[in-house]
Amino acid sequence: NDIEYIYSEYYNKEEITRFSSSLGKFVGYTEYGLKQANHWNSDPSELARRKATKETVCKHNIDID
């Protein structure tokens, strides 16, 4: 429960969108990022893919560190 998966997208060194596993959705930080976040949040397969990444990458490697 202490693990959080974060996926961010940047353009010109500015964060435009972020997926946070604790929120379970994308958040936009620019006008373009808001449009992208709304698009991705309306796609159940994209949200499921990002949520599954926490399980397959983060939790799988937690015991290594």
Protein backbone atom coordinates (compact mmCIF):
# COMPACT_ATOMS: atom_id res chain seq x y z
CA ASN A 1 0.00 0.00 0.00
CA ASP A 2 3.00 2.29 0.39
CA ILE A 3 3.95 1.96 -3.27
CA GLU A 4 2.82 4.53 -5.79
CA TYR A 5 3.32 4.21 -9.53
CA ILE A 6 3.65 7.57 -11.31
CA TYR A 7 3.86 8.02 -15.07
CA SER A 8 4.49 11.58 -16.30
CA GLU A 9 4.72 13.08 -19.75
CA TYR A 10 6.76 16.21 -20.42
CA TYR A 11 7.06 18.67 -23.28
CA ASN A 12 9.78 21.34 -23.30
CA LYS A 13 10.71 20.40 -19.72
CA GLU A 14 7.15 21.07 -18.54
CA GLU A 15 5.00 18.30 -17.10
CA ILE A 16 1.80 18.09 -19.13
CA THR A 17 0.14 14.94 -17.75
CA ARG A 18 0.60 12.47 -14.92
CA PHE A 19 -0.92 9.12 -14.02
CA SER A 20 -0.86 8.37 -10.31
CA SER A 21 -1.78 4.91 -9.08
CA SER A 22 -3.08 6.38 -5.83
CA LEU A 23 -5.61 8.46 -7.79
CA GLY A 24 -6.18 5.78 -10.43
CA LYS A 25 -6.45 8.33 -13.22
CA PHE A 26 -4.57 10.86 -15.34
CA VAL A 27 -4.30 14.51 -14.36
CA GLY A 28 -3.51 17.28 -16.84
CA TYR A 29 -1.39 20.33 -16.01
CA THR A 30 -1.59 22.28 -19.28
CA GLU A 31 -4.39 22.93 -21.76
CA TYR A 32 -3.10 20.15 -24.00
CA GLY A 33 -2.47 17.91 -20.98
CA LEU A 34 -6.05 18.33 -19.79
CA LYS A 35 -7.33 17.18 -23.19
CA GLN A 36 -5.01 14.18 -23.16
CA ALA A 37 -5.94 13.28 -19.59
CA ASN A 38 -9.66 13.42 -20.40
CA HIS A 39 -9.10 11.22 -23.44
CA TRP A 40 -7.06 8.62 -21.52
CA ASN A 41 -9.41 8.66 -18.52
CA SER A 42 -12.32 7.82 -20.83
CA ASP A 43 -10.48 4.70 -22.08
CA PRO A 44 -10.93 1.83 -19.59
CA SER A 45 -8.20 -0.24 -21.24
CA GLU A 46 -5.63 2.55 -20.81
CA LEU A 47 -6.49 2.94 -17.12
CA ALA A 48 -6.34 -0.84 -16.61
CA ARG A 49 -2.96 -0.98 -18.34
CA ARG A 50 -1.50 1.73 -16.09
CA LYS A 51 -2.96 0.15 -12.95
CA ALA A 52 -1.52 -3.23 -13.95
CA THR A 53 1.93 -1.67 -14.33
CA LYS A 54 2.04 -1.06 -10.59
CA GLU A 55 1.45 -4.76 -10.01
CA THR A 56 3.86 -6.04 -12.64
CA VAL A 57 6.74 -3.59 -12.20
CA CYS A 58 6.58 -2.02 -8.76
CA LYS A 59 5.34 -4.86 -6.58
CA HIS A 60 7.41 -7.41 -8.48
CA ASN A 61 10.64 -5.52 -7.71
CA ILE A 62 9.91 -4.36 -4.16
CA ASP A 63 11.81 -7.23 -2.56
CA ILE A 64 14.90 -6.59 -4.67
CA ASP A 65 15.71 -3.33 -2.87
